[in-house]
Amino acid sequence: MAEVTPGKMGFEVALNDNKTPVLAAATGDTEWFIGVQASNTNSTVTLTEGAAGTIVGTIVGGPAGIVGESITLTRDEGTGKWACTTTVEQKFVGPVETCDGV
């Protein structure tokens, strides 16, 4: 969660400023770096741009039971609210209100 959650704020800034959210340094006036890198020792991150965008973190570092699992943050285009779902067992994620696991 800590690897992808900070990207929500950067994503919102990009949308509010009519820019494209990106996972690397912005290369022009139409892009905005959301503050989350595409890869690190714990995860790889992808995003889908647009008002109903997603930020997906796939776990590459950690216990065997969670490596390869993913956490997906999805933005509702109509309300702007973010929802979290994951393929990780709920006991590793915390309350369902935080993120809905399996």
PDB file of N, CA and C in Angstrom:
ATOM      1  N   MET A   1       0.814  -1.190   0.000  1.00  0.00           N
ATOM      2  CA  MET A   1       0.000   0.000   0.000  1.00  0.00           C
ATOM      3  C   MET A   1       0.860   1.257   0.000  1.00  0.00           C
ATOM      4  N   ALA A   2       1.921   1.226   0.774  1.00  0.00           N
ATOM      5  CA  ALA A   2       2.773   2.410   0.883  1.00  0.00           C
ATOM      6  C   ALA A   2       3.463   2.747  -0.437  1.00  0.00           C
ATOM      7  N   GLU A   3       3.569   1.779  -1.317  1.00  0.00           N
ATOM      8  CA  GLU A   3       4.246   2.003  -2.593  1.00  0.00           C
ATOM      9  C   GLU A   3       3.349   2.722  -3.600  1.00  0.00           C
ATOM     10  N   VAL A   4       2.026   2.561  -3.494  1.00  0.00           N
ATOM     11  CA  VAL A   4       1.136   3.135  -4.500  1.00  0.00           C
ATOM     12  C   VAL A   4       0.251   4.267  -3.984  1.00  0.00           C
ATOM     13  N   THR A   5      -0.112   4.245  -2.715  1.00  0.00           N
ATOM     14  CA  THR A   5      -1.050   5.230  -2.169  1.00  0.00           C
ATOM     15  C   THR A   5      -0.621   6.683  -2.389  1.00  0.00           C
ATOM     16  N   PRO A   6       0.661   7.033  -2.232  1.00  0.00           N
ATOM     17  CA  PRO A   6       1.040   8.437  -2.467  1.00  0.00           C
ATOM     18  C   PRO A   6       0.758   8.922  -3.895  1.00  0.00           C
ATOM     19  N   GLY A   7       0.629   8.002  -4.830  1.00  0.00           N
ATOM     20  CA  GLY A   7       0.363   8.386  -6.211  1.00  0.00           C
ATOM     21  C   GLY A   7      -1.010   8.994  -6.427  1.00  0.00           C
ATOM     22  N   LYS A   8      -1.944   8.736  -5.502  1.00  0.00           N
ATOM     23  CA  LYS A   8      -3.293   9.299  -5.657  1.00  0.00           C
ATOM     24  C   LYS A   8      -3.258  10.821  -5.685  1.00  0.00           C
ATOM     25  N   MET A   9      -2.491  11.425  -4.789  1.00  0.00           N
ATOM     26  CA  MET A   9      -2.441  12.887  -4.738  1.00  0.00           C
ATOM     27  C   MET A   9      -1.851  13.459  -6.020  1.00  0.00           C
ATOM     28  N   GLY A  10      -0.746  12.877  -6.476  1.00  0.00           N
ATOM     29  CA  GLY A  10      -0.132  13.344  -7.713  1.00  0.00           C
ATOM     30  C   GLY A  10      -1.049  13.162  -8.910  1.00  0.00           C
ATOM     31  N   PHE A  11      -1.785  12.062  -8.914  1.00  0.00           N
ATOM     32  CA  PHE A  11      -2.746  11.790  -9.986  1.00  0.00           C
ATOM     33  C   PHE A  11      -3.810  12.881 -10.010  1.00  0.00           C
ATOM     34  N   GLU A  12      -4.324  13.240  -8.829  1.00  0.00           N
ATOM     35  CA  GLU A  12      -5.348  14.289  -8.729  1.00  0.00           C
ATOM     36  C   GLU A  12      -4.808  15.644  -9.197  1.00  0.00           C
ATOM     37  N   VAL A  13      -3.578  15.956  -8.823  1.00  0.00           N
ATOM     38  CA  VAL A  13      -2.967  17.215  -9.266  1.00  0.00           C
ATOM     39  C   VAL A  13      -2.894  17.242 -10.791  1.00  0.00           C
ATOM     40  N   ALA A  14      -2.474  16.121 -11.383  1.00  0.00           N
ATOM     41  CA  ALA A  14      -2.389  16.050 -12.848  1.00  0.00           C
ATOM     42  C   ALA A  14      -3.750  16.320 -13.485  1.00  0.00           C
ATOM     43  N   LEU A  15      -4.785  15.655 -12.983  1.00  0.00           N
ATOM     44  CA  LEU A  15      -6.125  15.865 -13.553  1.00  0.00           C
ATOM     45  C   LEU A  15      -6.599  17.300 -13.379  1.00  0.00           C
ATOM     46  N   ASN A  16      -6.385  17.855 -12.176  1.00  0.00           N
ATOM     47  CA  ASN A  16      -6.822  19.231 -11.915  1.00  0.00           C
ATOM     48  C   ASN A  16      -6.112  20.252 -12.791  1.00  0.00           C
ATOM     49  N   ASP A  17      -4.865  19.941 -13.159  1.00  0.00           N
ATOM     50  CA  ASP A  17      -4.088  20.852 -14.006  1.00  0.00           C
ATOM     51  C   ASP A  17      -4.148  20.480 -15.482  1.00  0.00           C
ATOM     52  N   ASN A  18      -5.076  19.542 -15.811  1.00  0.00           N
ATOM     53  CA  ASN A  18      -5.261  19.106 -17.196  1.00  0.00           C
ATOM     54  C   ASN A  18      -3.972  18.548 -17.799  1.00  0.00           C
ATOM     55  N   LYS A  19      -3.277  17.726 -17.010  1.00  0.00           N
ATOM     56  CA  LYS A  19      -2.034  17.107 -17.464  1.00  0.00           C
ATOM     57  C   LYS A  19      -2.169  15.594 -17.419  1.00  0.00           C
ATOM     58  N   THR A  20      -1.257  14.920 -18.083  1.00  0.00           N
ATOM     59  CA  THR A  20      -1.240  13.468 -18.104  1.00  0.00           C
ATOM     60  C   THR A  20      -0.394  12.963 -16.949  1.00  0.00           C
ATOM     61  N   PRO A  21      -0.960  12.101 -16.076  1.00  0.00           N
ATOM     62  CA  PRO A  21      -0.161  11.548 -14.980  1.00  0.00           C
ATOM     63  C   PRO A  21       0.862  10.544 -15.522  1.00  0.00           C
ATOM     64  N   VAL A  22       2.104  10.624 -15.029  1.00  0.00           N
ATOM     65  CA  VAL A  22       3.163   9.717 -15.474  1.00  0.00           C
ATOM     66  C   VAL A  22       3.969   9.216 -14.279  1.00  0.00           C
ATOM     67  N   LEU A  23       4.692   8.101 -14.490  1.00  0.00           N
ATOM     68  CA  LEU A  23       5.495   7.470 -13.435  1.00  0.00           C
ATOM     69  C   LEU A  23       6.977   7.815 -13.523  1.00  0.00           C
ATOM     70  N   ALA A  24       7.325   8.739 -14.374  1.00  0.00           N
ATOM     71  CA  ALA A  24       8.714   9.168 -14.525  1.00  0.00           C
ATOM     72  C   ALA A  24       8.727  10.691 -14.608  1.00  0.00           C
ATOM     73  N   ALA A  25       9.883  11.248 -14.651  1.00  0.00           N
ATOM     74  CA  ALA A  25       9.984  12.705 -14.751  1.00  0.00           C
ATOM     75  C   ALA A  25       9.190  13.194 -15.961  1.00  0.00           C
ATOM     76  N   ALA A  26       8.409  14.216 -15.757  1.00  0.00           N
ATOM     77  CA  ALA A  26       7.614  14.788 -16.840  1.00  0.00           C
ATOM     78  C   ALA A  26       8.533  15.279 -17.942  1.00  0.00           C
ATOM     79  N   THR A  27       8.153  14.986 -19.193  1.00  0.00           N
ATOM     80  CA  THR A  27       8.993  15.376 -20.324  1.00  0.00           C
ATOM     81  C   THR A  27       8.488  16.608 -21.046  1.00  0.00           C
ATOM     82  N   GLY A  28       7.396  17.159 -20.587  1.00  0.00           N
ATOM     83  CA  GLY A  28       6.867  18.358 -21.233  1.00  0.00           C
ATOM     84  C   GLY A  28       5.801  18.999 -20.371  1.00  0.00           C
ATOM     85  N   ASP A  29       5.201  20.044 -20.895  1.00  0.00           N
ATOM     86  CA  ASP A  29       4.191  20.798 -20.152  1.00  0.00           C
ATOM     87  C   ASP A  29       2.873  20.061 -19.990  1.00  0.00           C
ATOM     88  N   THR A  30       2.681  18.960 -20.720  1.00  0.00           N
ATOM     89  CA  THR A  30       1.412  18.240 -20.650  1.00  0.00           C
ATOM     90  C   THR A  30       1.455  17.049 -19.696  1.00  0.00           C
ATOM     91  N   GLU A  31       2.592  16.780 -19.057  1.00  0.00           N
ATOM     92  CA  GLU A  31       2.735  15.638 -18.155  1.00  0.00           C
ATOM     93  C   GLU A  31       2.977  16.081 -16.720  1.00  0.00           C
ATOM     94  N   TRP A  32       2.614  15.196 -15.769  1.00  0.00           N
ATOM     95  CA  TRP A  32       2.844  15.455 -14.350  1.00  0.00           C
ATOM     96  C   TRP A  32       3.285  14.164 -13.686  1.00  0.00           C
ATOM     97  N   PHE A  33       4.478  14.177 -13.066  1.00  0.00           N
ATOM     98  CA  PHE A  33       4.980  13.024 -12.326  1.00  0.00           C
ATOM     99  C   PHE A  33       4.156  12.873 -11.052  1.00  0.00           C
ATOM    100  N   ILE A  34       3.536  11.706 -10.841  1.00  0.00           N
ATOM    101  CA  ILE A  34       2.631  11.536  -9.702  1.00  0.00           C
ATOM    102  C   ILE A  34       3.352  11.224  -8.391  1.00  0.00           C
ATOM    103  N   GLY A  35       4.666  11.108  -8.429  1.00  0.00           N
ATOM    104  CA  GLY A  35       5.416  10.899  -7.198  1.00  0.00           C
ATOM    105  C   GLY A  35       5.668   9.442  -6.841  1.00  0.00           C
ATOM    106  N   VAL A  36       5.310   8.534  -7.731  1.00  0.00           N
ATOM    107  CA  VAL A  36       5.527   7.105  -7.523  1.00  0.00           C
ATOM    108  C   VAL A  36       6.334   6.587  -8.701  1.00  0.00           C
ATOM    109  N   GLN A  37       7.424   5.915  -8.408  1.00  0.00           N
ATOM    110  CA  GLN A  37       8.274   5.386  -9.480  1.00  0.00           C
ATOM    111  C   GLN A  37       7.705   4.081 -10.029  1.00  0.00           C
ATOM    112  N   ALA A  38       8.051   3.783 -11.268  1.00  0.00           N
ATOM    113  CA  ALA A  38       7.543   2.584 -11.934  1.00  0.00           C
ATOM    114  C   ALA A  38       8.064   1.288 -11.316  1.00  0.00           C
ATOM    115  N   SER A  39       9.212   1.344 -10.659  1.00  0.00           N
ATOM    116  CA  SER A  39       9.710   0.132 -10.013  1.00  0.00           C
ATOM    117  C   SER A  39      10.655   0.486  -8.878  1.00  0.00           C
ATOM    118  N   ASN A  40      10.690  -0.398  -7.910  1.00  0.00           N
ATOM    119  CA  ASN A  40      11.618  -0.297  -6.790  1.00  0.00           C
ATOM    120  C   ASN A  40      11.843  -1.715  -6.269  1.00  0.00           C
ATOM    121  N   THR A  41      12.496  -1.878  -5.147  1.00  0.00           N
ATOM    122  CA  THR A  41      12.811  -3.222  -4.669  1.00  0.00           C
ATOM    123  C   THR A  41      11.581  -3.986  -4.189  1.00  0.00           C
ATOM    124  N   ASN A  42      10.484  -3.295  -3.911  1.00  0.00           N
ATOM    125  CA  ASN A  42       9.285  -3.958  -3.400  1.00  0.00           C
ATOM    126  C   ASN A  42       8.174  -4.165  -4.419  1.00  0.00           C
ATOM    127  N   SER A  43       8.135  -3.330  -5.440  1.00  0.00           N
ATOM    128  CA  SER A  43       7.005  -3.422  -6.365  1.00  0.00           C
ATOM    129  C   SER A  43       7.305  -2.820  -7.727  1.00  0.00           C
ATOM    130  N   THR A  44       6.448  -3.190  -8.675  1.00  0.00           N
ATOM    131  CA  THR A  44       6.409  -2.508  -9.965  1.00  0.00           C
ATOM    132  C   THR A  44       5.046  -1.826 -10.024  1.00  0.00           C
ATOM    133  N   VAL A  45       5.004  -0.654 -10.619  1.00  0.00           N
ATOM    134  CA  VAL A  45       3.776   0.135 -10.633  1.00  0.00           C
ATOM    135  C   VAL A  45       3.430   0.497 -12.074  1.00  0.00           C
ATOM    136  N   THR A  46       2.148   0.374 -12.392  1.00  0.00           N
ATOM    137  CA  THR A  46       1.643   0.815 -13.691  1.00  0.00           C
ATOM    138  C   THR A  46       0.458   1.737 -13.424  1.00  0.00           C
ATOM    139  N   LEU A  47       0.111   2.529 -14.414  1.00  0.00           N
ATOM    140  CA  LEU A  47      -1.075   3.362 -14.262  1.00  0.00           C
ATOM    141  C   LEU A  47      -1.823   3.466 -15.571  1.00  0.00           C
ATOM    142  N   THR A  48      -3.099   3.728 -15.423  1.00  0.00           N
ATOM    143  CA  THR A  48      -3.969   4.021 -16.551  1.00  0.00           C
ATOM    144  C   THR A  48      -4.423   5.450 -16.349  1.00  0.00           C
ATOM    145  N   GLU A  49      -4.196   6.279 -17.333  1.00  0.00           N
ATOM    146  CA  GLU A  49      -4.534   7.687 -17.179  1.00  0.00           C
ATOM    147  C   GLU A  49      -5.991   7.933 -17.495  1.00  0.00           C
ATOM    148  N   GLY A  50      -6.450   9.086 -17.143  1.00  0.00           N
ATOM    149  CA  GLY A  50      -7.821   9.486 -17.397  1.00  0.00           C
ATOM    150  C   GLY A  50      -8.567   9.692 -16.100  1.00  0.00           C
ATOM    151  N   ALA A  51      -9.759  10.267 -16.185  1.00  0.00           N
ATOM    152  CA  ALA A  51     -10.546  10.576 -15.001  1.00  0.00           C
ATOM    153  C   ALA A  51     -10.939   9.321 -14.226  1.00  0.00           C
ATOM    154  N   ALA A  52     -11.015   8.186 -14.892  1.00  0.00           N
ATOM    155  CA  ALA A  52     -11.309   6.911 -14.227  1.00  0.00           C
ATOM    156  C   ALA A  52     -10.048   6.052 -14.241  1.00  0.00           C
ATOM    157  N   GLY A  53      -8.952   6.633 -13.841  1.00  0.00           N
ATOM    158  CA  GLY A  53      -7.664   5.964 -13.912  1.00  0.00           C
ATOM    159  C   GLY A  53      -7.440   4.933 -12.819  1.00  0.00           C
ATOM    160  N   THR A  54      -6.360   4.188 -12.980  1.00  0.00           N
ATOM    161  CA  THR A  54      -5.952   3.203 -11.980  1.00  0.00           C
ATOM    162  C   THR A  54      -4.457   3.317 -11.727  1.00  0.00           C
ATOM    163  N   ILE A  55      -4.071   2.942 -10.531  1.00  0.00           N
ATOM    164  CA  ILE A  55      -2.668   2.792 -10.167  1.00  0.00           C
ATOM    165  C   ILE A  55      -2.552   1.369  -9.633  1.00  0.00           C
ATOM    166  N   VAL A  56      -1.705   0.551 -10.251  1.00  0.00           N
ATOM    167  CA  VAL A  56      -1.575  -0.850  -9.864  1.00  0.00           C
ATOM    168  C   VAL A  56      -0.149  -1.123  -9.427  1.00  0.00           C
ATOM    169  N   GLY A  57      -0.013  -1.654  -8.237  1.00  0.00           N
ATOM    170  CA  GLY A  57       1.293  -2.066  -7.729  1.00  0.00           C
ATOM    171  C   GLY A  57       1.345  -3.577  -7.645  1.00  0.00           C
ATOM    172  N   THR A  58       2.338  -4.167  -8.290  1.00  0.00           N
ATOM    173  CA  THR A  58       2.540  -5.609  -8.209  1.00  0.00           C
ATOM    174  C   THR A  58       3.727  -5.849  -7.297  1.00  0.00           C
ATOM    175  N   ILE A  59       3.533  -6.687  -6.306  1.00  0.00           N
ATOM    176  CA  ILE A  59       4.551  -6.924  -5.282  1.00  0.00           C
ATOM    177  C   ILE A  59       5.638  -7.854  -5.821  1.00  0.00           C
ATOM    178  N   VAL A  60       6.891  -7.385  -5.760  1.00  0.00           N
ATOM    179  CA  VAL A  60       8.026  -8.187  -6.219  1.00  0.00           C
ATOM    180  C   VAL A  60       8.982  -8.536  -5.081  1.00  0.00           C
ATOM    181  N   GLY A  61       8.838  -7.878  -3.944  1.00  0.00           N
ATOM    182  CA  GLY A  61       9.684  -8.151  -2.788  1.00  0.00           C
ATOM    183  C   GLY A  61       8.812  -8.379  -1.573  1.00  0.00           C
ATOM    184  N   GLY A  62       9.163  -9.362  -0.768  1.00  0.00           N
ATOM    185  CA  GLY A  62       8.378  -9.648   0.420  1.00  0.00           C
ATOM    186  C   GLY A  62       8.223 -11.131   0.623  1.00  0.00           C
ATOM    187  N   PRO A  63       7.396 -11.519   1.570  1.00  0.00           N
ATOM    188  CA  PRO A  63       7.185 -12.928   1.853  1.00  0.00           C
ATOM    189  C   PRO A  63       6.623 -13.685   0.643  1.00  0.00           C
ATOM    190  N   ALA A  64       6.926 -14.953   0.572  1.00  0.00           N
ATOM    191  CA  ALA A  64       6.499 -15.782  -0.556  1.00  0.00           C
ATOM    192  C   ALA A  64       4.992 -15.738  -0.788  1.00  0.00           C
ATOM    193  N   GLY A  65       4.207 -15.598   0.254  1.00  0.00           N
ATOM    194  CA  GLY A  65       2.757 -15.592   0.111  1.00  0.00           C
ATOM    195  C   GLY A  65       2.179 -14.368  -0.566  1.00  0.00           C
ATOM    196  N   ILE A  66       2.964 -13.303  -0.701  1.00  0.00           N
ATOM    197  CA  ILE A  66       2.420 -12.094  -1.330  1.00  0.00           C
ATOM    198  C   ILE A  66       3.175 -11.665  -2.594  1.00  0.00           C
ATOM    199  N   VAL A  67       4.335 -12.235  -2.849  1.00  0.00           N
ATOM    200  CA  VAL A  67       5.075 -11.890  -4.073  1.00  0.00           C
ATOM    201  C   VAL A  67       4.224 -12.276  -5.288  1.00  0.00           C
ATOM    202  N   GLY A  68       4.094 -11.354  -6.215  1.00  0.00           N
ATOM    203  CA  GLY A  68       3.304 -11.579  -7.416  1.00  0.00           C
ATOM    204  C   GLY A  68       1.868 -11.107  -7.293  1.00  0.00           C
ATOM    205  N   GLU A  69       1.436 -10.785  -6.082  1.00  0.00           N
ATOM    206  CA  GLU A  69       0.082 -10.272  -5.875  1.00  0.00           C
ATOM    207  C   GLU A  69       0.059  -8.781  -6.198  1.00  0.00           C
ATOM    208  N   SER A  70      -1.130  -8.218  -6.305  1.00  0.00           N
ATOM    209  CA  SER A  70      -1.227  -6.811  -6.704  1.00  0.00           C
ATOM    210  C   SER A  70      -2.196  -6.031  -5.822  1.00  0.00           C
ATOM    211  N   ILE A  71      -1.992  -4.720  -5.822  1.00  0.00           N
ATOM    212  CA  ILE A  71      -2.871  -3.769  -5.150  1.00  0.00           C
ATOM    213  C   ILE A  71      -3.304  -2.773  -6.220  1.00  0.00           C
ATOM    214  N   THR A  72      -4.604  -2.583  -6.362  1.00  0.00           N
ATOM    215  CA  THR A  72      -5.130  -1.701  -7.394  1.00  0.00           C
ATOM    216  C   THR A  72      -5.939  -0.571  -6.775  1.00  0.00           C
ATOM    217  N   LEU A  73      -5.553   0.648  -7.102  1.00  0.00           N
ATOM    218  CA  LEU A  73      -6.303   1.833  -6.702  1.00  0.00           C
ATOM    219  C   LEU A  73      -7.059   2.313  -7.935  1.00  0.00           C
ATOM    220  N   THR A  74      -8.366   2.443  -7.816  1.00  0.00           N
ATOM    221  CA  THR A  74      -9.205   2.823  -8.953  1.00  0.00           C
ATOM    222  C   THR A  74      -9.972   4.092  -8.613  1.00  0.00           C
ATOM    223  N   ARG A  75      -9.879   5.069  -9.494  1.00  0.00           N
ATOM    224  CA  ARG A  75     -10.560   6.352  -9.294  1.00  0.00           C
ATOM    225  C   ARG A  75     -11.912   6.335  -9.985  1.00  0.00           C
ATOM    226  N   ASP A  76     -12.964   6.704  -9.256  1.00  0.00           N
ATOM    227  CA  ASP A  76     -14.298   6.809  -9.820  1.00  0.00           C
ATOM    228  C   ASP A  76     -14.399   8.136 -10.570  1.00  0.00           C
ATOM    229  N   GLU A  77     -14.685   8.059 -11.847  1.00  0.00           N
ATOM    230  CA  GLU A  77     -14.729   9.267 -12.681  1.00  0.00           C
ATOM    231  C   GLU A  77     -15.794  10.253 -12.221  1.00  0.00           C
ATOM    232  N   GLY A  78     -16.922   9.743 -11.752  1.00  0.00           N
ATOM    233  CA  GLY A  78     -18.025  10.620 -11.362  1.00  0.00           C
ATOM    234  C   GLY A  78     -17.821  11.312 -10.029  1.00  0.00           C
ATOM    235  N   THR A  79     -17.278  10.577  -9.051  1.00  0.00           N
ATOM    236  CA  THR A  79     -17.144  11.141  -7.703  1.00  0.00           C
ATOM    237  C   THR A  79     -15.734  11.582  -7.355  1.00  0.00           C
ATOM    238  N   GLY A  80     -14.752  11.050  -8.069  1.00  0.00           N
ATOM    239  CA  GLY A  80     -13.356  11.347  -7.749  1.00  0.00           C
ATOM    240  C   GLY A  80     -12.831  10.525  -6.577  1.00  0.00           C
ATOM    241  N   LYS A  81     -13.652   9.648  -6.032  1.00  0.00           N
ATOM    242  CA  LYS A  81     -13.222   8.815  -4.911  1.00  0.00           C
ATOM    243  C   LYS A  81     -12.365   7.657  -5.410  1.00  0.00           C
ATOM    244  N   TRP A  82     -11.439   7.251  -4.560  1.00  0.00           N
ATOM    245  CA  TRP A  82     -10.551   6.145  -4.864  1.00  0.00           C
ATOM    246  C   TRP A  82     -11.007   4.905  -4.107  1.00  0.00           C
ATOM    247  N   ALA A  83     -10.938   3.752  -4.765  1.00  0.00           N
ATOM    248  CA  ALA A  83     -11.223   2.468  -4.140  1.00  0.00           C
ATOM    249  C   ALA A  83      -9.967   1.606  -4.234  1.00  0.00           C
ATOM    250  N   CYS A  84      -9.786   0.748  -3.254  1.00  0.00           N
ATOM    251  CA  CYS A  84      -8.623  -0.135  -3.231  1.00  0.00           C
ATOM    252  C   CYS A  84      -9.080  -1.580  -3.227  1.00  0.00           C
ATOM    253  N   THR A  85      -8.522  -2.365  -4.135  1.00  0.00           N
ATOM    254  CA  THR A  85      -8.738  -3.802  -4.148  1.00  0.00           C
ATOM    255  C   THR A  85      -7.380  -4.468  -4.267  1.00  0.00           C
ATOM    256  N   THR A  86      -7.299  -5.710  -3.806  1.00  0.00           N
ATOM    257  CA  THR A  86      -6.026  -6.410  -3.855  1.00  0.00           C
ATOM    258  C   THR A  86      -6.237  -7.910  -3.974  1.00  0.00           C
ATOM    259  N   THR A  87      -5.241  -8.585  -4.498  1.00  0.00           N
ATOM    260  CA  THR A  87      -5.263 -10.043  -4.567  1.00  0.00           C
ATOM    261  C   THR A  87      -4.555 -10.650  -3.364  1.00  0.00           C
ATOM    262  N   VAL A  88      -4.115  -9.809  -2.442  1.00  0.00           N
ATOM    263  CA  VAL A  88      -3.450 -10.251  -1.210  1.00  0.00           C
ATOM    264  C   VAL A  88      -4.513 -10.679  -0.202  1.00  0.00           C
ATOM    265  N   GLU A  89      -4.209 -11.695   0.594  1.00  0.00           N
ATOM    266  CA  GLU A  89      -5.142 -12.120   1.633  1.00  0.00           C
ATOM    267  C   GLU A  89      -5.438 -10.961   2.574  1.00  0.00           C
ATOM    268  N   GLN A  90      -6.702 -10.856   2.966  1.00  0.00           N
ATOM    269  CA  GLN A  90      -7.150  -9.733   3.788  1.00  0.00           C
ATOM    270  C   GLN A  90      -6.332  -9.589   5.070  1.00  0.00           C
ATOM    271  N   LYS A  91      -5.905 -10.684   5.669  1.00  0.00           N
ATOM    272  CA  LYS A  91      -5.171 -10.601   6.934  1.00  0.00           C
ATOM    273  C   LYS A  91      -3.841  -9.858   6.801  1.00  0.00           C
ATOM    274  N   PHE A  92      -3.317  -9.758   5.579  1.00  0.00           N
ATOM    275  CA  PHE A  92      -2.066  -9.032   5.364  1.00  0.00           C
ATOM    276  C   PHE A  92      -2.295  -7.556   5.024  1.00  0.00           C
ATOM    277  N   VAL A  93      -3.538  -7.202   4.726  1.00  0.00           N
ATOM    278  CA  VAL A  93      -3.859  -5.862   4.255  1.00  0.00           C
ATOM    279  C   VAL A  93      -4.400  -4.963   5.356  1.00  0.00           C
ATOM    280  N   GLY A  94      -5.143  -5.530   6.265  1.00  0.00           N
ATOM    281  CA  GLY A  94      -5.816  -4.748   7.291  1.00  0.00           C
ATOM    282  C   GLY A  94      -7.307  -4.757   7.043  1.00  0.00           C
ATOM    283  N   PRO A  95      -8.028  -3.807   7.620  1.00  0.00           N
ATOM    284  CA  PRO A  95      -9.485  -3.782   7.481  1.00  0.00           C
ATOM    285  C   PRO A  95      -9.935  -3.614   6.027  1.00  0.00           C
ATOM    286  N   VAL A  96     -11.103  -4.184   5.720  1.00  0.00           N
ATOM    287  CA  VAL A  96     -11.675  -4.058   4.382  1.00  0.00           C
ATOM    288  C   VAL A  96     -11.855  -2.586   4.018  1.00  0.00           C
ATOM    289  N   GLU A  97     -12.122  -1.752   5.001  1.00  0.00           N
ATOM    290  CA  GLU A  97     -12.301  -0.319   4.740  1.00  0.00           C
ATOM    291  C   GLU A  97     -11.032   0.313   4.181  1.00  0.00           C
ATOM    292  N   THR A  98      -9.884  -0.267   4.507  1.00  0.00           N
ATOM    293  CA  THR A  98      -8.607   0.213   3.986  1.00  0.00           C
ATOM    294  C   THR A  98      -8.398  -0.271   2.566  1.00  0.00           C
ATOM    295  N   CYS A  99      -8.585  -1.577   2.361  1.00  0.00           N
ATOM    296  CA  CYS A  99      -8.421  -2.177   1.031  1.00  0.00           C
ATOM    297  C   CYS A  99      -9.094  -3.534   1.054  1.00  0.00           C
ATOM    298  N   ASP A 100      -9.843  -3.830   0.016  1.00  0.00           N
ATOM    299  CA  ASP A 100     -10.610  -5.075  -0.074  1.00  0.00           C
ATOM    300  C   ASP A 100      -9.748  -6.181  -0.660  1.00  0.00           C
ATOM    301  N   GLY A 101      -9.317  -7.102   0.200  1.00  0.00           N
ATOM    302  CA  GLY A 101      -8.484  -8.226  -0.230  1.00  0.00           C
ATOM    303  C   GLY A 101      -9.288  -9.481  -0.449  1.00  0.00           C
ATOM    304  N   VAL A 102      -8.587 -10.598  -0.563  1.00  0.00           N
ATOM    305  CA  VAL A 102      -9.257 -11.888  -0.758  1.00  0.00           C
ATOM    306  C   VAL A 102      -9.262 -12.704   0.509  1.00  0.00           C
TER     307      VAL A 102
END
